[in-house]
Protein backbone atom coordinates (compact mmCIF):
# COMPACT_ATOMS: atom_id res chain seq x y z
CA MET A 1 305.70 117.98 119.31
CA ASN A 2 309.29 118.73 121.71
CA GLU A 3 308.72 118.29 125.31
CA GLN A 4 308.00 121.85 126.34
CA GLN A 5 305.08 121.70 123.64
CA PHE A 6 303.86 118.82 125.62
CA LEU A 7 303.95 119.83 128.88
CA ALA A 8 302.66 123.37 127.86
CA ARG A 9 299.64 121.48 126.45
CA ILE A 10 298.65 118.97 129.15
CA ARG A 11 299.04 122.20 131.62
CA THR A 12 295.89 123.53 130.61
CA ARG A 13 294.22 120.60 133.01
CA GLU A 14 294.42 121.51 136.57
CA GLY A 15 295.20 118.53 138.00
CA LEU A 16 297.97 118.85 135.53
CA ARG A 17 299.13 122.03 135.77
CA ARG A 18 302.77 121.81 137.73
CA ALA A 19 303.21 118.27 135.75
CA VAL A 20 306.52 117.43 134.64
CA LEU A 21 308.13 114.52 132.32
CA ASN A 22 310.03 111.94 134.58
CA ARG A 23 311.38 110.73 131.73
CA ILE A 24 310.82 108.58 128.05
CA GLU A 25 311.16 104.62 127.84
CA ALA A 26 311.39 103.59 124.72
CA ASP A 27 311.27 99.95 123.58
CA LYS A 28 311.65 98.90 119.50
CA GLY A 29 311.17 95.63 120.62
CA ALA A 30 307.48 95.73 121.86
CA GLY A 31 306.68 99.14 119.85
CA THR A 32 306.06 100.61 122.35
CA VAL A 33 307.17 104.46 123.78
CA THR A 34 305.98 105.43 127.54
CA PHE A 35 305.76 109.02 128.83
CA PHE A 36 306.40 108.86 132.77
CA VAL A 37 304.81 111.93 134.01
CA LEU A 38 304.44 113.16 137.66
CA THR A 39 302.29 115.56 139.00
CA ASP A 40 301.66 116.88 142.39
CA ALA A 41 297.86 117.71 142.35
CA ALA A 42 294.67 115.70 142.66
CA TYR A 43 294.06 114.72 139.01
CA THR A 44 290.66 113.18 136.84
CA ALA A 45 289.94 110.51 135.20
CA GLU A 46 289.60 113.45 132.34
CA ASP A 47 292.85 114.58 132.58
CA GLU A 48 294.85 111.38 132.54
CA GLN A 49 292.93 111.01 129.08
CA PHE A 50 293.51 114.21 127.93
CA ALA A 51 297.58 113.89 128.80
CA ALA A 52 297.28 110.21 127.27
CA GLN A 53 295.85 111.68 123.99
CA ALA A 54 298.90 114.50 124.01
CA VAL A 55 301.23 111.26 123.90
CA ARG A 56 299.78 109.99 121.19
CA GLU A 57 300.19 112.35 119.06
CA ALA A 58 303.80 112.91 120.74
CA VAL A 59 304.92 110.12 119.37
CA PRO A 60 305.11 108.19 115.99
CA ALA A 61 302.37 106.68 114.61
CA CYS A 62 304.24 103.55 114.26
CA PHE A 63 304.52 103.04 118.07
CA GLU A 64 302.23 102.55 120.29
CA ALA A 65 301.78 105.12 123.00
CA ARG A 66 301.67 104.67 126.86
CA LEU A 67 301.06 106.99 129.37
CA GLU A 68 302.33 106.39 133.33
CA LEU A 69 300.35 108.84 135.53
CA HIS A 70 301.49 108.88 139.15
CA LYS A 71 300.98 111.96 142.09
CA THR A 72 304.22 112.59 144.16
CA VAL A 73 304.90 115.28 146.33
CA ALA A 74 307.64 116.73 147.32
CA ASP A 75 308.95 116.04 150.95
CA PRO A 76 312.13 117.33 152.68
CA SER A 77 313.37 113.93 153.65
CA LEU A 78 311.99 112.52 149.74
CA VAL A 79 314.63 115.42 148.30
CA ARG A 80 317.21 115.12 150.97
CA ARG A 81 317.32 111.30 149.69
CA LYS A 82 317.35 112.00 145.99
CA ILE A 83 320.23 114.77 146.61
CA LEU A 84 322.19 111.87 148.45
CA GLU A 85 321.67 109.42 145.48
CA TYR A 86 322.53 111.83 142.98
CA LEU A 87 325.81 112.87 144.60
CA ALA A 88 326.74 108.93 145.08
CA SER A 89 326.59 108.69 141.81
CA HIS A 90 327.80 111.73 140.13
CA HIS A 91 330.19 113.40 142.06
CA ARG A 92 331.22 111.20 144.72
CA ALA A 93 333.47 113.93 146.21
CA ALA A 94 330.66 115.74 146.90
CA ALA A 95 328.96 112.44 148.55
CA ALA A 96 332.29 111.70 150.92
CA CYS A 97 332.03 115.42 152.68
CA ILE A 98 328.17 115.61 152.65
CA ARG A 99 325.42 114.04 154.95
CA ALA A 100 321.77 113.63 155.12
CA GLU A 101 322.25 115.98 157.99
CA ASP A 102 323.95 118.85 155.82
CA ILE A 103 321.31 119.32 153.51
CA ASP A 104 318.31 121.82 155.00
CA VAL A 105 315.48 122.16 153.05
CA GLN A 106 312.65 124.81 153.27
CA MET A 107 309.24 124.23 150.88
CA GLY A 108 307.92 126.77 149.01
CA ASP A 109 307.88 128.25 145.75
CA PRO A 110 310.61 127.12 144.77
CA VAL A 111 311.96 124.69 147.45
CA ASN A 112 315.29 125.72 148.42
CA PHE A 113 318.15 123.23 149.91
CA THR A 114 321.15 124.39 150.90
CA PHE A 115 324.90 122.25 152.21
CA ALA A 116 326.04 123.31 155.53
CA VAL A 117 329.73 123.26 154.11
CA ASP A 118 333.66 124.42 156.29
CA ASP A 119 335.70 126.59 154.04
CA ALA A 120 337.19 123.62 151.92
CA GLU A 121 334.06 122.13 150.87
CA ARG A 122 332.67 125.62 150.22
CA THR A 123 335.99 125.51 147.75
CA PHE A 124 334.52 122.44 146.34
CA PHE A 125 331.52 123.83 145.15
CA GLU A 126 332.74 127.10 143.74
CA ARG A 127 335.62 125.41 141.72
CA ASN A 128 332.80 122.72 140.70
CA GLU A 129 329.56 124.90 139.64
CA GLY A 130 327.85 122.47 137.46
CA VAL A 131 327.09 119.99 140.62
CA ILE A 132 324.31 122.46 142.39
CA GLU A 133 322.74 123.26 138.62
CA GLY A 134 322.48 119.31 138.29
CA ILE A 135 320.79 118.44 141.15
CA GLU A 136 318.07 121.43 140.34
CA ARG A 137 317.93 119.96 136.84
CA MET A 138 317.29 116.18 138.87
CA LEU A 139 315.25 117.06 140.85
CA GLY A 140 312.75 119.03 138.75
CA ARG A 141 312.66 115.71 136.67
CA ASN A 142 311.50 114.09 139.82
CA PHE A 143 309.36 116.58 141.45
CA CYS A 144 306.56 119.32 140.57
CA ASN A 145 308.33 122.43 142.04
CA THR A 146 311.30 124.41 141.52
CA PHE A 147 314.23 124.16 143.13
CA ALA A 148 317.17 126.28 143.84
CA GLY A 149 320.26 125.27 145.94
CA GLY A 150 323.22 127.33 147.84
CA LEU A 151 325.67 126.86 150.50
CA ARG A 152 325.56 127.33 154.09
CA SER A 153 329.04 128.15 156.28
CA ALA A 154 328.92 125.42 159.43
CA VAL A 155 332.05 124.14 161.35
CA LYS A 156 331.75 120.60 161.43
CA GLU A 157 332.51 118.06 164.28
CA GLU A 158 335.10 115.75 164.39
CA GLN A 159 333.27 113.15 166.19
CA GLU A 160 330.71 110.62 164.40
CA VAL A 161 327.08 112.57 164.43
CA GLU A 162 324.49 110.33 165.79
CA GLU A 163 322.05 109.28 162.95
CA GLU A 164 318.55 110.63 162.95
CA GLY A 165 316.67 107.25 162.97
CA ASP A 166 312.69 108.51 163.30
CA GLU A 167 312.51 110.19 160.09
CA PRO A 168 309.68 108.55 158.32
CA VAL A 169 310.83 106.11 155.02
CA PHE A 170 309.68 106.84 151.70
CA ASP A 171 309.25 104.29 149.06
CA ASP A 172 310.18 105.94 145.72
CA ARG A 173 310.53 102.79 143.50
CA PRO A 174 308.36 103.05 140.27
CA VAL A 175 305.22 101.64 140.74
CA ARG A 176 304.30 98.29 137.91
CA SER A 177 301.85 98.52 136.08
CA PHE A 178 299.85 96.13 133.09
CA PRO A 179 297.76 96.78 130.16
CA VAL A 180 294.62 96.47 130.70
CA THR A 181 292.57 93.80 127.98
CA ASP A 182 288.79 92.83 126.94
CA PHE A 183 287.68 95.71 128.04
CA GLU A 184 284.05 95.99 128.26
CA PRO A 185 282.02 99.46 129.11
CA ILE A 186 279.91 99.21 132.18
CA ASP A 187 280.51 102.51 134.14
CA LEU A 188 282.51 104.44 131.10
CA THR A 189 282.50 104.29 127.69
CA ASP A 190 287.05 104.89 127.59
CA ALA A 191 288.84 102.00 128.19
CA PRO A 192 291.68 102.70 130.93
CA LYS A 193 294.76 101.77 129.17
CA VAL A 194 296.65 100.32 132.23
CA ALA A 195 296.01 99.16 135.83
CA THR A 196 298.54 99.28 138.91
CA TYR A 197 299.98 95.77 140.36
CA ILE A 198 297.59 95.53 143.32
CA ALA A 199 300.93 94.76 145.19
CA ASP A 200 301.73 98.29 144.55
CA CYS A 201 299.03 100.15 145.86
CA LYS A 202 300.57 101.45 148.59
CA PHE A 203 300.82 105.32 147.82
CA ALA A 204 297.29 107.78 147.83
CA SER A 205 295.78 108.72 144.88
CA ASP A 206 292.78 110.64 143.13
CA SER A 207 292.89 108.48 140.46
CA LEU A 208 293.87 104.76 140.91
CA THR A 209 293.26 102.15 138.12
CA VAL A 210 293.52 98.59 139.34
CA CYS A 211 292.24 95.35 137.25
CA GLY A 212 291.99 91.84 138.08
CA GLU A 213 289.61 89.01 139.02
CA ILE A 214 286.61 89.52 141.75
CA THR A 215 286.86 86.55 144.19
CA HIS A 216 284.58 87.87 146.36
CA MET A 217 281.67 90.14 146.72
CA ILE A 218 278.83 91.09 149.09
CA GLU A 219 275.98 93.98 148.95
CA ARG A 220 275.73 96.02 151.83
CA VAL A 221 273.79 99.12 152.69
CA SER A 222 275.78 102.46 154.07
CA GLN A 223 274.53 104.15 157.67
CA LYS A 224 272.54 106.92 155.40
CA GLY A 225 270.98 103.91 153.87
CA LYS A 226 272.90 103.49 150.42
CA PRO A 227 273.25 100.56 149.17
CA TYR A 228 277.22 99.31 147.66
CA ILE A 229 279.10 96.38 147.69
CA ARG A 230 282.50 95.02 148.69
CA PHE A 231 283.95 93.77 146.20
CA THR A 232 287.65 91.72 146.93
CA LEU A 233 289.53 91.67 143.67
CA SER A 234 293.09 89.56 143.14
CA ASP A 235 295.69 90.14 140.14
CA LYS A 236 297.84 87.52 140.98
CA THR A 237 300.52 90.43 142.84
CA GLY A 238 298.11 90.89 146.05
CA VAL A 239 294.10 90.89 147.10
CA LEU A 240 292.28 94.35 147.49
CA SER A 241 289.06 94.43 148.79
CA PHE A 242 287.03 97.68 148.23
CA SER A 243 283.58 99.49 148.05
CA TYR A 244 281.59 100.44 145.34
CA PHE A 245 278.37 102.57 145.52
CA ILE A 246 275.46 101.24 143.07
CA LYS A 247 274.48 104.08 140.75
CA LYS A 248 270.86 103.42 139.08
CA LYS A 249 271.72 103.97 135.35
CA THR A 250 274.31 100.66 135.96
CA GLU A 251 272.90 98.62 138.52
CA LYS A 252 271.75 96.06 136.43
CA LYS A 253 274.97 95.37 134.72
CA ILE A 254 277.13 95.75 137.95
CA ARG A 255 274.19 93.54 139.81
CA GLU A 256 275.25 90.78 137.12
CA LEU A 257 279.07 90.32 138.19
CA LYS A 258 279.86 87.46 139.90
CA PRO A 259 283.25 85.71 141.33
CA GLY A 260 285.48 84.74 138.61
CA ASP A 261 284.34 87.83 136.87
CA PHE A 262 287.60 90.27 135.60
CA ILE A 263 286.89 94.02 136.09
CA VAL A 264 288.79 97.43 135.98
CA CYS A 265 288.04 99.58 138.02
CA THR A 266 288.90 103.68 138.78
CA GLY A 267 288.82 104.84 141.98
CA ALA A 268 290.75 106.89 145.33
CA ASN A 269 292.99 105.31 147.27
CA GLU A 270 292.60 108.14 151.00
CA LEU A 271 293.71 107.43 154.32
CA TYR A 272 291.32 106.57 156.73
CA ASN A 273 292.06 105.96 160.46
CA GLU A 274 295.41 106.18 159.35
CA ARG A 275 295.36 103.44 156.12
CA LEU A 276 295.00 103.63 153.50
CA SER A 277 291.40 102.79 151.55
CA TYR A 278 290.37 102.05 148.13
CA THR A 279 287.00 103.20 146.63
CA ALA A 280 286.04 102.39 143.21
CA ARG A 281 284.64 105.69 141.13
CA TYR A 282 283.94 103.43 138.07
CA ILE A 283 283.85 99.41 137.13
CA ASN A 284 284.15 98.10 133.99
CA ARG A 285 284.89 94.76 132.47
CA GLY A 286 288.48 94.49 132.25
CA ALA A 287 291.40 91.52 132.85
CA PRO A 288 294.66 91.86 132.55
CA PRO A 289 296.79 90.29 129.36
CA ARG A 290 296.10 86.49 129.32
CA ASP A 291 300.57 85.78 129.28
CA PHE A 292 300.38 88.42 132.58
CA GLU A 293 303.01 87.15 134.70
CA PRO A 294 304.45 89.84 137.21
CA VAL A 295 307.23 91.52 136.83
CA ARG A 296 309.83 91.30 140.15
CA ARG A 297 309.80 94.57 141.92
CA LYS A 298 313.65 96.04 142.28
CA SER A 299 314.53 96.14 145.61
CA ARG A 300 313.86 99.16 148.11
CA ALA A 301 316.17 101.39 148.64
CA VAL A 302 319.38 101.16 151.29
CA PRO A 303 317.86 102.74 154.37
CA ALA A 304 320.09 106.22 154.91
CA HIS A 305 320.23 105.65 158.81
CA TYR A 306 320.36 102.87 160.65
CA THR A 307 317.47 102.79 162.94
CA CYS A 308 317.53 99.37 165.21
CA ILE A 309 320.81 98.08 165.08
CA ARG A 310 324.18 99.76 164.95
CA PRO A 311 326.71 98.18 163.89
CA GLU A 312 330.20 98.24 166.59
CA LYS A 313 333.34 98.86 165.53
CA ILE A 314 335.78 96.26 166.86
CA VAL A 315 339.40 94.37 166.58
CA ASP A 316 340.11 90.98 166.72
CA TYR A 317 343.96 91.04 168.84
CA ASN A 318 343.83 87.25 169.02
CA GLN A 319 344.02 86.98 165.22
CA ILE A 320 346.34 90.26 164.57
CA ASN A 321 348.43 87.42 162.61
CA LEU A 322 346.15 87.37 160.15
CA PHE A 323 346.46 91.08 159.42
CA GLU A 324 349.59 90.81 157.77
CA GLN A 325 348.95 92.79 154.40
CA ALA A 326 352.34 91.45 152.58
CA THR A 327 350.49 88.07 153.18
CA MET A 328 347.04 89.28 152.04
CA PRO A 329 345.59 88.17 148.24
CA PRO A 330 344.59 91.22 146.11
CA ASP A 331 340.45 89.46 146.10
CA LEU A 332 340.79 89.78 149.81
CA VAL A 333 341.62 93.17 150.19
CA GLU A 334 340.18 94.53 147.34
CA ASN A 335 336.84 93.33 148.17
CA THR A 336 334.48 93.88 151.35
CA PHE A 337 332.96 90.89 153.01
CA VAL A 338 330.18 90.25 155.57
CA VAL A 339 330.42 87.02 157.26
CA PHE A 340 327.01 85.75 158.87
CA ASP A 341 325.11 83.07 160.92
CA LEU A 342 321.36 83.00 162.07
CA GLU A 343 319.84 80.97 164.69
CA THR A 344 316.38 79.74 164.25
CA THR A 345 313.44 78.03 165.67
CA GLY A 346 313.87 74.93 163.01
CA LEU A 347 315.27 74.01 159.90
CA ILE A 348 312.51 74.84 157.20
CA ASN A 349 313.83 77.76 154.77
CA ASN A 350 311.78 77.36 152.55
CA PRO A 351 307.38 78.15 152.40
CA ALA A 352 306.96 75.45 150.16
CA ALA A 353 308.19 73.04 152.36
CA GLY A 354 305.79 74.21 155.61
CA ARG A 355 305.48 76.90 158.08
CA MET A 356 308.57 78.94 157.67
CA ASP A 357 310.91 78.38 160.74
CA ALA A 358 311.67 82.24 162.66
CA ILE A 359 315.36 83.58 163.19
CA THR A 360 315.99 84.27 167.07
CA GLU A 361 319.48 85.64 166.21
CA ILE A 362 321.61 87.36 163.50
CA GLY A 363 325.19 87.61 164.30
CA ALA A 364 327.97 89.19 161.35
CA VAL A 365 331.33 90.68 161.01
CA LYS A 366 332.44 92.88 158.08
CA ILE A 367 336.13 92.27 156.67
CA GLU A 368 337.60 95.65 154.87
CA LYS A 369 340.83 95.09 153.63
CA GLY A 370 341.57 91.85 155.33
CA GLU A 371 340.72 93.26 158.66
CA ILE A 372 337.45 92.45 160.87
CA ARG A 373 336.67 95.48 161.61
CA GLU A 374 332.71 95.23 161.84
CA ARG A 375 330.51 93.45 164.71
CA PHE A 376 326.48 93.36 163.52
CA SER A 377 324.45 90.96 166.40
CA THR A 378 320.79 90.53 167.65
CA LEU A 379 318.77 88.75 169.47
CA VAL A 380 315.23 88.68 166.89
CA ASP A 381 311.66 87.90 168.54
CA PRO A 382 310.28 84.92 166.59
CA GLN A 383 307.05 85.48 168.13
CA ARG A 384 306.49 82.03 168.92
CA LYS A 385 307.76 79.65 171.32
CA LEU A 386 310.89 77.76 171.25
CA GLU A 387 310.90 74.03 171.20
CA GLU A 388 313.13 72.76 174.06
CA GLN A 389 315.91 70.65 171.58
CA ILE A 390 316.82 74.36 169.90
CA VAL A 391 316.99 75.65 173.60
CA LYS A 392 319.13 72.63 174.20
CA LEU A 393 321.07 73.33 170.90
CA THR A 394 321.72 77.14 171.26
CA GLY A 395 321.18 78.26 174.86
CA ILE A 396 319.02 80.93 173.66
CA THR A 397 315.64 80.71 176.26
CA ASP A 398 312.19 82.24 175.62
CA ASP A 399 312.59 84.83 178.16
CA MET A 400 315.94 86.10 176.09
CA LEU A 401 313.63 86.54 173.23
CA VAL A 402 311.23 88.88 175.09
CA GLY A 403 311.11 92.16 173.82
CA GLN A 404 313.76 91.76 171.53
CA PRO A 405 313.22 93.44 168.20
CA LYS A 406 311.24 91.72 165.23
CA ILE A 407 312.71 90.38 162.39
CA GLU A 408 310.87 93.52 160.39
CA GLN A 409 312.81 95.75 162.43
CA VAL A 410 316.40 94.36 161.56
CA ILE A 411 316.16 93.36 158.11
CA PRO A 412 316.47 96.91 157.09
CA ASP A 413 319.37 97.63 159.15
CA PHE A 414 321.16 94.43 158.40
CA PHE A 415 320.28 94.69 154.10
CA LYS A 416 322.24 98.79 155.00
CA PHE A 417 324.78 96.51 156.95
CA CYS A 418 325.54 93.98 153.63
CA ASP A 419 325.12 96.93 150.91
CA GLY A 420 327.60 96.47 148.44
CA CYS A 421 329.65 93.48 150.24
CA ILE A 422 329.96 89.71 149.15
CA LEU A 423 328.32 87.76 151.78
CA VAL A 424 330.04 84.53 153.31
CA GLY A 425 328.75 81.57 155.63
CA HIS A 426 329.26 78.10 156.19
CA ASN A 427 327.26 76.35 154.48
CA VAL A 428 325.79 79.66 153.07
CA GLN A 429 322.49 78.92 150.99
CA PHE A 430 320.70 77.60 154.07
CA ASP A 431 321.00 80.94 156.67
CA TYR A 432 320.90 82.67 153.07
CA GLN A 433 317.31 81.19 152.48
CA PHE A 434 315.66 82.89 155.35
CA ILE A 435 317.60 86.11 154.75
CA ARG A 436 316.11 86.50 151.35
CA TYR A 437 312.23 85.31 152.10
CA TYR A 438 311.85 87.59 155.25
CA GLY A 439 313.72 90.21 153.44
CA GLY A 440 311.82 89.84 150.13
CA LYS A 441 308.41 90.10 152.38
CA ASP A 442 308.93 93.72 153.26
CA GLU A 443 310.78 94.14 149.67
CA TYR A 444 314.47 94.49 150.51
CA MET A 445 316.39 92.24 148.02
CA PHE A 446 319.46 90.61 148.63
CA GLU A 447 321.17 89.70 145.89
CA ASN A 448 324.49 89.48 146.82
CA ARG A 449 326.79 87.38 145.93
CA ALA A 450 327.69 84.17 148.19
CA LEU A 451 330.91 82.31 148.84
CA ASP A 452 330.70 78.94 151.24
CA THR A 453 333.30 78.10 153.41
CA MET A 454 332.40 74.46 153.73
CA THR A 455 333.16 74.49 149.44
CA LEU A 456 336.44 76.04 149.84
CA ALA A 457 337.36 73.73 153.19
CA GLN A 458 336.36 70.42 150.76
CA GLU A 459 338.43 72.05 147.92
CA LEU A 460 341.16 73.34 150.03
CA LEU A 461 341.60 70.81 153.06
CA PHE A 462 341.61 67.04 153.86
CA LEU A 463 339.63 66.23 156.62
CA PRO A 464 337.23 63.87 158.07
CA ASN A 465 334.68 66.37 158.03
CA TYR A 466 334.19 69.66 157.43
CA LYS A 467 331.56 70.78 159.92
CA LEU A 468 332.22 74.04 161.52
CA ASN A 469 333.70 73.01 164.92
CA THR A 470 336.05 70.62 162.82
CA LEU A 471 337.56 73.54 160.47
CA ALA A 472 337.96 75.32 163.99
CA ASP A 473 340.08 73.09 165.54
CA HIS A 474 341.79 73.04 162.50
CA TYR A 475 342.50 76.37 162.85
CA GLY A 476 343.44 76.11 166.35
CA ILE A 477 340.27 78.49 167.33
CA SER A 478 337.88 77.84 170.16
CA PHE A 479 334.34 79.41 169.86
CA ASN A 480 330.85 79.30 172.05
CA HIS A 481 329.11 76.83 168.81
CA HIS A 482 325.24 77.54 168.03
CA ARG A 483 325.29 80.95 169.00
CA ALA A 484 325.07 83.33 165.72
CA TRP A 485 327.74 85.88 167.23
CA ASP A 486 330.63 83.29 167.63
CA ASP A 487 329.73 81.19 164.62
CA ALA A 488 329.93 84.24 162.60
CA LEU A 489 333.14 85.34 163.94
CA THR A 490 334.89 81.78 163.97
CA THR A 491 333.65 81.62 160.08
CA ALA A 492 335.35 85.05 158.96
CA LYS A 493 338.61 83.57 160.54
CA ILE A 494 338.23 80.37 158.74
CA PHE A 495 337.40 82.49 155.73
CA ILE A 496 340.45 84.54 155.89
CA GLU A 497 342.91 81.46 156.33
CA LEU A 498 340.94 79.96 152.93
CA ILE A 499 341.17 82.49 150.86
CA LYS A 500 344.83 83.67 151.94
CA ALA A 501 345.38 79.56 150.91
CA LYS A 502 343.54 79.70 147.59
CA LYS A 503 345.08 83.10 146.65
CA CYS A 504 341.81 84.41 145.04
CA LEU A 505 338.06 84.14 145.32
CA PRO A 506 336.04 81.73 143.97
CA THR A 507 335.37 81.95 140.18
CA ALA A 508 332.35 80.14 140.01
């Protein structure tokens, strides 16, 4: 059975009539083949079982056949993002001139997308006919639509276009799942093959399966007099509370369930009062694998736009003597660095040590081609009162933080600012712990390489100590210590001097 035959078969089901095969993954070590199928229609458990059987027939008998079926709907913003990602990885010349605002997406059948281009850009696309066709094929594998691309004339202005920051941010990362084990039927005789991580259940679906341990349950009666049970379920990745309306034919077995039991549920995850609410239609006994350890989810994508804090272009005339290209080591010129510093409410940067302290200020500068060129700076509302010693140390007061953005508003912009850069700081791991923690809460995973000016200075200089102000004195730099922006700028100047002396970046 080839791909077209497989799709022709599953499309006979109403819920799968426009389904597409996103990709196939084979794991020879595990002996599994997984079909990732997307549909834009509401599908039933029977539709999923039908597709799973088609996958089984398409996969050689020596492999375990798995199906990952997800509902996804094309949206103009999401289509634009996919196009930009494709251009960035496959056609860098086009990516350099096409911005999000240049792409117009008109929903329909087919979905039409056009690029606003000037004469030079039109010539590029006409000479590279495969670009648009490649985008059409890529979109066809990611959405249950047909796509048609084209060009439209536009005169592009020289000045920088104001970036739109009010478009909704779509999380298009694949959800994680695990196989269901120890199945015992209550509502269904057919065992669900896989369950979605509870932590990833942030999307609407008519057929969503979750599995885990009952941590709490309580029986209630609806306004119409129907009995139902509120379950709370945990699967090591998150906790989900949901309702289940009792059926007469399975009432006895459902009432035998208790906290500590493992169940697998299939139901609907729907928007209610602008929040997702899960309702289980079917409950059976089932559990995650005994050795189940959650797989870390990959980071959210880099935001397309700055939405809260926009970097500023800067020129540091006081340090102009540092920027003589002839004296710059190649490592300094060929890499881009973000040098950053934080002010916080205290010193606890690990939740295992107690209540995490909060960030009150982020200051950072970007070094490109050996020059300090951009500034990222903001105060942050920590949503708690500052202690007196912190006020004395930093000069930041509670009044200064009123009305400032919260860390969850700032982190996406800082993640974008740091994209593709090596991070630098003084005693960098202390501040990096804060950034990783608060970034991780919103699933922005900071995994950049980090360099420490303290460690570099200890290797290269002979000083009584290696505090930031001692290094600043050594290089004749004056600054306002314990304010994030000043500390970051000073650290950047020191970093440039240290790399000039070392002539290369550290290897470790």
